[in-house]
């Protein structure tokens, strides 16, 4: 989930920011994600979509058994252009 969908990318590259300079962790994470984790594609070429619904966003995290009998974890998404990341 991207907590800062409406935020601009970080003005200073996140790798140059010191931990002591972080004032608002949620805002900082949003700016970081918008700077380094967002895809820059157009026309839906590389947007990720849910295979079952065809929708680009997933409101909840869920675990399900796919058509091949394998378990698949689908994490909640609110930004179809955001790469997966671990906090």
PDB file of N, CA and C in Angstrom:
ATOM      1  N   UNK A   1       0.846  -1.180   0.000  1.00  0.00           N
ATOM      2  CA  UNK A   1       0.000   0.000   0.000  1.00  0.00           C
ATOM      3  C   UNK A   1       0.888   1.238   0.000  1.00  0.00           C
ATOM      4  N   UNK A   2       0.505   2.210  -0.763  1.00  0.00           N
ATOM      5  CA  UNK A   2       1.243   3.471  -0.831  1.00  0.00           C
ATOM      6  C   UNK A   2       0.547   4.490   0.068  1.00  0.00           C
ATOM      7  N   UNK A   3       1.157   4.863   1.202  1.00  0.00           N
ATOM      8  CA  UNK A   3       0.524   5.809   2.106  1.00  0.00           C
ATOM      9  C   UNK A   3       0.569   7.246   1.600  1.00  0.00           C
ATOM     10  N   UNK A   4       1.300   7.496   0.530  1.00  0.00           N
ATOM     11  CA  UNK A   4       1.445   8.863   0.029  1.00  0.00           C
ATOM     12  C   UNK A   4       1.118   8.982  -1.440  1.00  0.00           C
ATOM     13  N   UNK A   5      -0.035   8.439  -1.866  1.00  0.00           N
ATOM     14  CA  UNK A   5      -0.366   8.455  -3.294  1.00  0.00           C
ATOM     15  C   UNK A   5      -0.388   9.860  -3.885  1.00  0.00           C
ATOM     16  N   UNK A   6      -0.802  10.852  -3.122  1.00  0.00           N
ATOM     17  CA  UNK A   6      -0.890  12.207  -3.649  1.00  0.00           C
ATOM     18  C   UNK A   6       0.368  13.033  -3.458  1.00  0.00           C
ATOM     19  N   UNK A   7       1.373  12.444  -2.834  1.00  0.00           N
ATOM     20  CA  UNK A   7       2.607  13.184  -2.564  1.00  0.00           C
ATOM     21  C   UNK A   7       3.529  13.188  -3.774  1.00  0.00           C
ATOM     22  N   UNK A   8       4.305  14.261  -3.933  1.00  0.00           N
ATOM     23  CA  UNK A   8       5.295  14.262  -5.005  1.00  0.00           C
ATOM     24  C   UNK A   8       6.471  13.374  -4.615  1.00  0.00           C
ATOM     25  N   UNK A   9       7.293  12.975  -5.580  1.00  0.00           N
ATOM     26  CA  UNK A   9       8.506  12.223  -5.242  1.00  0.00           C
ATOM     27  C   UNK A   9       9.390  13.067  -4.335  1.00  0.00           C
ATOM     28  N   UNK A  10      10.220  12.428  -3.548  1.00  0.00           N
ATOM     29  CA  UNK A  10      11.123  13.135  -2.634  1.00  0.00           C
ATOM     30  C   UNK A  10      12.030  14.075  -3.422  1.00  0.00           C
ATOM     31  N   UNK A  11      12.185  15.310  -2.927  1.00  0.00           N
ATOM     32  CA  UNK A  11      13.038  16.297  -3.597  1.00  0.00           C
ATOM     33  C   UNK A  11      14.501  15.875  -3.519  1.00  0.00           C
ATOM     34  N   UNK A  12      14.910  15.380  -2.364  1.00  0.00           N
ATOM     35  CA  UNK A  12      16.264  14.870  -2.161  1.00  0.00           C
ATOM     36  C   UNK A  12      16.176  13.357  -2.248  1.00  0.00           C
ATOM     37  N   UNK A  13      17.099  12.737  -2.966  1.00  0.00           N
ATOM     38  CA  UNK A  13      17.054  11.283  -3.085  1.00  0.00           C
ATOM     39  C   UNK A  13      17.038  10.667  -1.695  1.00  0.00           C
ATOM     40  N   UNK A  14      16.138   9.707  -1.430  1.00  0.00           N
ATOM     41  CA  UNK A  14      15.996   9.115  -0.103  1.00  0.00           C
ATOM     42  C   UNK A  14      17.287   8.536   0.479  1.00  0.00           C
ATOM     43  N   UNK A  15      18.191   8.089  -0.351  1.00  0.00           N
ATOM     44  CA  UNK A  15      19.455   7.535   0.147  1.00  0.00           C
ATOM     45  C   UNK A  15      20.357   8.602   0.752  1.00  0.00           C
ATOM     46  N   UNK A  16      20.106   9.853   0.463  1.00  0.00           N
ATOM     47  CA  UNK A  16      20.933  10.941   0.996  1.00  0.00           C
ATOM     48  C   UNK A  16      20.371  11.484   2.310  1.00  0.00           C
ATOM     49  N   UNK A  17      19.177  11.068   2.687  1.00  0.00           N
ATOM     50  CA  UNK A  17      18.537  11.573   3.892  1.00  0.00           C
ATOM     51  C   UNK A  17      19.007  10.779   5.104  1.00  0.00           C
ATOM     52  N   UNK A  18      19.365  11.489   6.167  1.00  0.00           N
ATOM     53  CA  UNK A  18      19.779  10.841   7.402  1.00  0.00           C
ATOM     54  C   UNK A  18      18.547  10.475   8.222  1.00  0.00           C
ATOM     55  N   UNK A  19      18.668   9.430   9.006  1.00  0.00           N
ATOM     56  CA  UNK A  19      17.557   8.983   9.838  1.00  0.00           C
ATOM     57  C   UNK A  19      17.066  10.109  10.749  1.00  0.00           C
ATOM     58  N   UNK A  20      17.989  10.906  11.242  1.00  0.00           N
ATOM     59  CA  UNK A  20      17.625  12.012  12.136  1.00  0.00           C
ATOM     60  C   UNK A  20      16.830  13.106  11.425  1.00  0.00           C
ATOM     61  N   UNK A  21      16.823  13.114  10.094  1.00  0.00           N
ATOM     62  CA  UNK A  21      16.089  14.119   9.322  1.00  0.00           C
ATOM     63  C   UNK A  21      14.638  13.719   9.071  1.00  0.00           C
ATOM     64  N   UNK A  22      14.252  12.513   9.436  1.00  0.00           N
ATOM     65  CA  UNK A  22      12.887  12.051   9.218  1.00  0.00           C
ATOM     66  C   UNK A  22      11.992  12.613  10.307  1.00  0.00           C
ATOM     67  N   UNK A  23      11.031  13.441   9.910  1.00  0.00           N
ATOM     68  CA  UNK A  23      10.106  14.047  10.854  1.00  0.00           C
ATOM     69  C   UNK A  23       8.761  13.321  10.871  1.00  0.00           C
ATOM     70  N   UNK A  24       8.294  12.925   9.708  1.00  0.00           N
ATOM     71  CA  UNK A  24       7.009  12.227   9.580  1.00  0.00           C
ATOM     72  C   UNK A  24       7.266  10.928   8.809  1.00  0.00           C
ATOM     73  N   UNK A  25       7.368   9.778   9.513  1.00  0.00           N
ATOM     74  CA  UNK A  25       7.711   8.516   8.846  1.00  0.00           C
ATOM     75  C   UNK A  25       6.745   8.108   7.732  1.00  0.00           C
ATOM     76  N   UNK A  26       5.448   8.374   7.886  1.00  0.00           N
ATOM     77  CA  UNK A  26       4.477   7.996   6.857  1.00  0.00           C
ATOM     78  C   UNK A  26       4.674   8.842   5.609  1.00  0.00           C
ATOM     79  N   UNK A  27       4.853  10.144   5.783  1.00  0.00           N
ATOM     80  CA  UNK A  27       5.094  11.021   4.636  1.00  0.00           C
ATOM     81  C   UNK A  27       6.418  10.652   3.957  1.00  0.00           C
ATOM     82  N   UNK A  28       7.446  10.389   4.760  1.00  0.00           N
ATOM     83  CA  UNK A  28       8.747  10.032   4.215  1.00  0.00           C
ATOM     84  C   UNK A  28       8.658   8.739   3.401  1.00  0.00           C
ATOM     85  N   UNK A  29       7.913   7.751   3.904  1.00  0.00           N
ATOM     86  CA  UNK A  29       7.733   6.499   3.160  1.00  0.00           C
ATOM     87  C   UNK A  29       7.017   6.766   1.842  1.00  0.00           C
ATOM     88  N   UNK A  30       5.966   7.593   1.865  1.00  0.00           N
ATOM     89  CA  UNK A  30       5.248   7.928   0.635  1.00  0.00           C
ATOM     90  C   UNK A  30       6.144   8.600  -0.391  1.00  0.00           C
ATOM     91  N   UNK A  31       6.949   9.555   0.059  1.00  0.00           N
ATOM     92  CA  UNK A  31       7.866  10.239  -0.858  1.00  0.00           C
ATOM     93  C   UNK A  31       8.922   9.279  -1.399  1.00  0.00           C
ATOM     94  N   UNK A  32       9.415   8.404  -0.527  1.00  0.00           N
ATOM     95  CA  UNK A  32      10.403   7.402  -0.940  1.00  0.00           C
ATOM     96  C   UNK A  32       9.819   6.477  -2.005  1.00  0.00           C
ATOM     97  N   UNK A  33       8.632   5.952  -1.760  1.00  0.00           N
ATOM     98  CA  UNK A  33       8.007   5.049  -2.730  1.00  0.00           C
ATOM     99  C   UNK A  33       7.748   5.748  -4.052  1.00  0.00           C
ATOM    100  N   UNK A  34       7.291   6.992  -4.003  1.00  0.00           N
ATOM    101  CA  UNK A  34       7.014   7.726  -5.237  1.00  0.00           C
ATOM    102  C   UNK A  34       8.286   8.074  -5.998  1.00  0.00           C
ATOM    103  N   UNK A  35       9.412   8.098  -5.308  1.00  0.00           N
ATOM    104  CA  UNK A  35      10.689   8.411  -5.962  1.00  0.00           C
ATOM    105  C   UNK A  35      11.350   7.170  -6.570  1.00  0.00           C
ATOM    106  N   UNK A  36      11.330   6.036  -5.833  1.00  0.00           N
ATOM    107  CA  UNK A  36      12.119   4.894  -6.283  1.00  0.00           C
ATOM    108  C   UNK A  36      11.318   3.622  -6.590  1.00  0.00           C
ATOM    109  N   UNK A  37      10.057   3.537  -6.238  1.00  0.00           N
ATOM    110  CA  UNK A  37       9.311   2.292  -6.410  1.00  0.00           C
ATOM    111  C   UNK A  37       8.163   2.373  -7.418  1.00  0.00           C
ATOM    112  N   UNK A  38       7.886   3.518  -7.986  1.00  0.00           N
ATOM    113  CA  UNK A  38       6.774   3.643  -8.920  1.00  0.00           C
ATOM    114  C   UNK A  38       7.244   3.421 -10.349  1.00  0.00           C
ATOM    115  N   UNK A  39       6.463   2.688 -11.111  1.00  0.00           N
ATOM    116  CA  UNK A  39       6.739   2.465 -12.525  1.00  0.00           C
ATOM    117  C   UNK A  39       6.373   3.714 -13.309  1.00  0.00           C
ATOM    118  N   UNK A  40       7.035   3.942 -14.398  1.00  0.00           N
ATOM    119  CA  UNK A  40       6.737   5.100 -15.228  1.00  0.00           C
ATOM    120  C   UNK A  40       6.258   4.619 -16.597  1.00  0.00           C
ATOM    121  N   UNK A  41       5.158   3.909 -16.587  1.00  0.00           N
ATOM    122  CA  UNK A  41       4.613   3.344 -17.817  1.00  0.00           C
ATOM    123  C   UNK A  41       3.385   4.128 -18.258  1.00  0.00           C
ATOM    124  N   UNK A  42       2.965   3.881 -19.470  1.00  0.00           N
ATOM    125  CA  UNK A  42       1.766   4.543 -19.975  1.00  0.00           C
ATOM    126  C   UNK A  42       0.877   3.537 -20.694  1.00  0.00           C
ATOM    127  N   UNK A  43      -0.340   3.923 -20.928  1.00  0.00           N
ATOM    128  CA  UNK A  43      -1.324   3.126 -21.661  1.00  0.00           C
ATOM    129  C   UNK A  43      -1.574   1.751 -21.047  1.00  0.00           C
ATOM    130  N   UNK A  44      -1.372   1.618 -19.748  1.00  0.00           N
ATOM    131  CA  UNK A  44      -1.657   0.364 -19.074  1.00  0.00           C
ATOM    132  C   UNK A  44      -0.733  -0.779 -19.440  1.00  0.00           C
ATOM    133  N   UNK A  45       0.376  -0.494 -20.126  1.00  0.00           N
ATOM    134  CA  UNK A  45       1.272  -1.553 -20.597  1.00  0.00           C
ATOM    135  C   UNK A  45       1.782  -2.432 -19.468  1.00  0.00           C
ATOM    136  N   UNK A  46       2.293  -1.821 -18.406  1.00  0.00           N
ATOM    137  CA  UNK A  46       2.898  -2.637 -17.369  1.00  0.00           C
ATOM    138  C   UNK A  46       2.157  -2.552 -16.038  1.00  0.00           C
ATOM    139  N   UNK A  47       0.956  -2.002 -16.030  1.00  0.00           N
ATOM    140  CA  UNK A  47       0.201  -1.945 -14.793  1.00  0.00           C
ATOM    141  C   UNK A  47      -0.215  -3.346 -14.387  1.00  0.00           C
ATOM    142  N   UNK A  48      -0.061  -3.646 -13.109  1.00  0.00           N
ATOM    143  CA  UNK A  48      -0.432  -4.964 -12.610  1.00  0.00           C
ATOM    144  C   UNK A  48      -1.939  -5.006 -12.384  1.00  0.00           C
ATOM    145  N   UNK A  49      -2.538  -6.094 -12.786  1.00  0.00           N
ATOM    146  CA  UNK A  49      -3.975  -6.243 -12.579  1.00  0.00           C
ATOM    147  C   UNK A  49      -4.261  -7.590 -11.937  1.00  0.00           C
ATOM    148  N   UNK A  50      -5.346  -7.655 -11.205  1.00  0.00           N
ATOM    149  CA  UNK A  50      -5.790  -8.900 -10.606  1.00  0.00           C
ATOM    150  C   UNK A  50      -6.265  -9.810 -11.733  1.00  0.00           C
ATOM    151  N   UNK A  51      -5.727 -11.010 -11.804  1.00  0.00           N
ATOM    152  CA  UNK A  51      -6.068 -11.924 -12.905  1.00  0.00           C
ATOM    153  C   UNK A  51      -7.550 -12.280 -12.926  1.00  0.00           C
ATOM    154  N   UNK A  52      -8.139 -12.412 -11.751  1.00  0.00           N
ATOM    155  CA  UNK A  52      -9.543 -12.825 -11.672  1.00  0.00           C
ATOM    156  C   UNK A  52     -10.495 -11.694 -12.038  1.00  0.00           C
ATOM    157  N   UNK A  53     -10.209 -10.483 -11.555  1.00  0.00           N
ATOM    158  CA  UNK A  53     -11.141  -9.375 -11.762  1.00  0.00           C
ATOM    159  C   UNK A  53     -10.732  -8.430 -12.878  1.00  0.00           C
ATOM    160  N   UNK A  54      -9.449  -8.429 -13.230  1.00  0.00           N
ATOM    161  CA  UNK A  54      -8.962  -7.494 -14.234  1.00  0.00           C
ATOM    162  C   UNK A  54      -8.770  -6.090 -13.683  1.00  0.00           C
ATOM    163  N   UNK A  55      -8.951  -5.923 -12.369  1.00  0.00           N
ATOM    164  CA  UNK A  55      -8.820  -4.617 -11.733  1.00  0.00           C
ATOM    165  C   UNK A  55      -7.370  -4.389 -11.292  1.00  0.00           C
ATOM    166  N   UNK A  56      -6.878  -3.143 -11.379  1.00  0.00           N
ATOM    167  CA  UNK A  56      -5.490  -2.875 -11.006  1.00  0.00           C
ATOM    168  C   UNK A  56      -5.245  -2.779  -9.512  1.00  0.00           C
ATOM    169  N   UNK A  57      -6.269  -2.668  -8.717  1.00  0.00           N
ATOM    170  CA  UNK A  57      -6.081  -2.486  -7.285  1.00  0.00           C
ATOM    171  C   UNK A  57      -6.693  -3.638  -6.503  1.00  0.00           C
ATOM    172  N   UNK A  58      -6.107  -3.964  -5.386  1.00  0.00           N
ATOM    173  CA  UNK A  58      -6.560  -5.053  -4.514  1.00  0.00           C
ATOM    174  C   UNK A  58      -6.825  -4.450  -3.140  1.00  0.00           C
ATOM    175  N   UNK A  59      -8.092  -4.418  -2.689  1.00  0.00           N
ATOM    176  CA  UNK A  59      -8.411  -3.743  -1.428  1.00  0.00           C
ATOM    177  C   UNK A  59      -7.926  -4.453  -0.171  1.00  0.00           C
ATOM    178  N   UNK A  60      -7.750  -5.774  -0.221  1.00  0.00           N
ATOM    179  CA  UNK A  60      -7.334  -6.517   0.969  1.00  0.00           C
ATOM    180  C   UNK A  60      -6.218  -7.501   0.613  1.00  0.00           C
ATOM    181  N   UNK A  61      -5.449  -7.882   1.613  1.00  0.00           N
ATOM    182  CA  UNK A  61      -4.445  -8.924   1.425  1.00  0.00           C
ATOM    183  C   UNK A  61      -5.141 -10.265   1.597  1.00  0.00           C
ATOM    184  N   UNK A  62      -4.886 -11.189   0.693  1.00  0.00           N
ATOM    185  CA  UNK A  62      -5.558 -12.484   0.784  1.00  0.00           C
ATOM    186  C   UNK A  62      -4.630 -13.600   0.323  1.00  0.00           C
ATOM    187  N   UNK A  63      -4.889 -14.790   0.835  1.00  0.00           N
ATOM    188  CA  UNK A  63      -4.165 -15.997   0.472  1.00  0.00           C
ATOM    189  C   UNK A  63      -5.188 -16.941  -0.153  1.00  0.00           C
ATOM    190  N   UNK A  64      -4.899 -17.454  -1.342  1.00  0.00           N
ATOM    191  CA  UNK A  64      -5.848 -18.348  -1.998  1.00  0.00           C
ATOM    192  C   UNK A  64      -5.115 -19.426  -2.788  1.00  0.00           C
ATOM    193  N   UNK A  65      -5.838 -20.464  -3.098  1.00  0.00           N
ATOM    194  CA  UNK A  65      -5.298 -21.553  -3.904  1.00  0.00           C
ATOM    195  C   UNK A  65      -5.637 -21.267  -5.367  1.00  0.00           C
ATOM    196  N   UNK A  66      -4.614 -21.188  -6.216  1.00  0.00           N
ATOM    197  CA  UNK A  66      -4.854 -20.853  -7.616  1.00  0.00           C
ATOM    198  C   UNK A  66      -5.295 -22.081  -8.419  1.00  0.00           C
ATOM    199  N   UNK A  67      -5.483 -21.876  -9.714  1.00  0.00           N
ATOM    200  CA  UNK A  67      -6.000 -22.949 -10.582  1.00  0.00           C
ATOM    201  C   UNK A  67      -5.048 -24.144 -10.709  1.00  0.00           C
ATOM    202  N   UNK A  68      -3.776 -23.965 -10.387  1.00  0.00           N
ATOM    203  CA  UNK A  68      -2.808 -25.068 -10.440  1.00  0.00           C
ATOM    204  C   UNK A  68      -2.642 -25.762  -9.092  1.00  0.00           C
ATOM    205  N   UNK A  69      -3.445 -25.354  -8.114  1.00  0.00           N
ATOM    206  CA  UNK A  69      -3.371 -25.977  -6.797  1.00  0.00           C
ATOM    207  C   UNK A  69      -2.265 -25.431  -5.910  1.00  0.00           C
ATOM    208  N   UNK A  70      -1.667 -24.318  -6.324  1.00  0.00           N
ATOM    209  CA  UNK A  70      -0.609 -23.685  -5.538  1.00  0.00           C
ATOM    210  C   UNK A  70      -1.179 -22.509  -4.752  1.00  0.00           C
ATOM    211  N   UNK A  71      -0.629 -22.290  -3.557  1.00  0.00           N
ATOM    212  CA  UNK A  71      -1.080 -21.169  -2.741  1.00  0.00           C
ATOM    213  C   UNK A  71      -0.427 -19.886  -3.224  1.00  0.00           C
ATOM    214  N   UNK A  72      -1.225 -18.834  -3.301  1.00  0.00           N
ATOM    215  CA  UNK A  72      -0.742 -17.550  -3.792  1.00  0.00           C
ATOM    216  C   UNK A  72      -1.149 -16.447  -2.814  1.00  0.00           C
ATOM    217  N   UNK A  73      -0.194 -15.586  -2.479  1.00  0.00           N
ATOM    218  CA  UNK A  73      -0.450 -14.449  -1.606  1.00  0.00           C
ATOM    219  C   UNK A  73      -0.597 -13.209  -2.471  1.00  0.00           C
ATOM    220  N   UNK A  74      -1.720 -12.534  -2.347  1.00  0.00           N
ATOM    221  CA  UNK A  74      -1.960 -11.289  -3.065  1.00  0.00           C
ATOM    222  C   UNK A  74      -2.054 -10.193  -2.012  1.00  0.00           C
ATOM    223  N   UNK A  75      -1.123  -9.253  -2.048  1.00  0.00           N
ATOM    224  CA  UNK A  75      -1.107  -8.194  -1.048  1.00  0.00           C
ATOM    225  C   UNK A  75      -2.007  -7.036  -1.464  1.00  0.00           C
ATOM    226  N   UNK A  76      -2.494  -6.317  -0.472  1.00  0.00           N
ATOM    227  CA  UNK A  76      -3.368  -5.172  -0.728  1.00  0.00           C
ATOM    228  C   UNK A  76      -2.617  -4.135  -1.559  1.00  0.00           C
ATOM    229  N   UNK A  77      -3.326  -3.518  -2.505  1.00  0.00           N
ATOM    230  CA  UNK A  77      -2.723  -2.511  -3.385  1.00  0.00           C
ATOM    231  C   UNK A  77      -3.682  -1.346  -3.542  1.00  0.00           C
ATOM    232  N   UNK A  78      -3.155  -0.152  -3.490  1.00  0.00           N
ATOM    233  CA  UNK A  78      -3.958   1.027  -3.789  1.00  0.00           C
ATOM    234  C   UNK A  78      -3.312   1.850  -4.901  1.00  0.00           C
ATOM    235  N   UNK A  79      -2.224   1.331  -5.465  1.00  0.00           N
ATOM    236  CA  UNK A  79      -1.482   2.047  -6.491  1.00  0.00           C
ATOM    237  C   UNK A  79      -0.978   1.026  -7.511  1.00  0.00           C
ATOM    238  N   UNK A  80      -1.586   0.997  -8.683  1.00  0.00           N
ATOM    239  CA  UNK A  80      -1.263  -0.028  -9.674  1.00  0.00           C
ATOM    240  C   UNK A  80       0.136   0.119 -10.265  1.00  0.00           C
ATOM    241  N   UNK A  81       0.766   1.270 -10.100  1.00  0.00           N
ATOM    242  CA  UNK A  81       2.112   1.480 -10.644  1.00  0.00           C
ATOM    243  C   UNK A  81       3.213   1.290  -9.611  1.00  0.00           C
ATOM    244  N   UNK A  82       2.845   0.846  -8.408  1.00  0.00           N
ATOM    245  CA  UNK A  82       3.822   0.682  -7.347  1.00  0.00           C
ATOM    246  C   UNK A  82       4.415  -0.718  -7.365  1.00  0.00           C
ATOM    247  N   UNK A  83       5.755  -0.810  -7.374  1.00  0.00           N
ATOM    248  CA  UNK A  83       6.421  -2.101  -7.253  1.00  0.00           C
ATOM    249  C   UNK A  83       6.236  -2.629  -5.841  1.00  0.00           C
ATOM    250  N   UNK A  84       6.369  -3.931  -5.663  1.00  0.00           N
ATOM    251  CA  UNK A  84       6.287  -4.507  -4.319  1.00  0.00           C
ATOM    252  C   UNK A  84       7.485  -4.048  -3.501  1.00  0.00           C
ATOM    253  N   UNK A  85       7.261  -3.867  -2.203  1.00  0.00           N
ATOM    254  CA  UNK A  85       8.326  -3.455  -1.302  1.00  0.00           C
ATOM    255  C   UNK A  85       8.068  -4.043   0.066  1.00  0.00           C
ATOM    256  N   UNK A  86       9.098  -4.126   0.901  1.00  0.00           N
ATOM    257  CA  UNK A  86       8.986  -4.643   2.257  1.00  0.00           C
ATOM    258  C   UNK A  86       9.441  -3.553   3.206  1.00  0.00           C
ATOM    259  N   UNK A  87       8.615  -3.272   4.206  1.00  0.00           N
ATOM    260  CA  UNK A  87       8.971  -2.250   5.203  1.00  0.00           C
ATOM    261  C   UNK A  87       9.652  -2.920   6.356  1.00  0.00           C
TER     262      UNK A  87
END
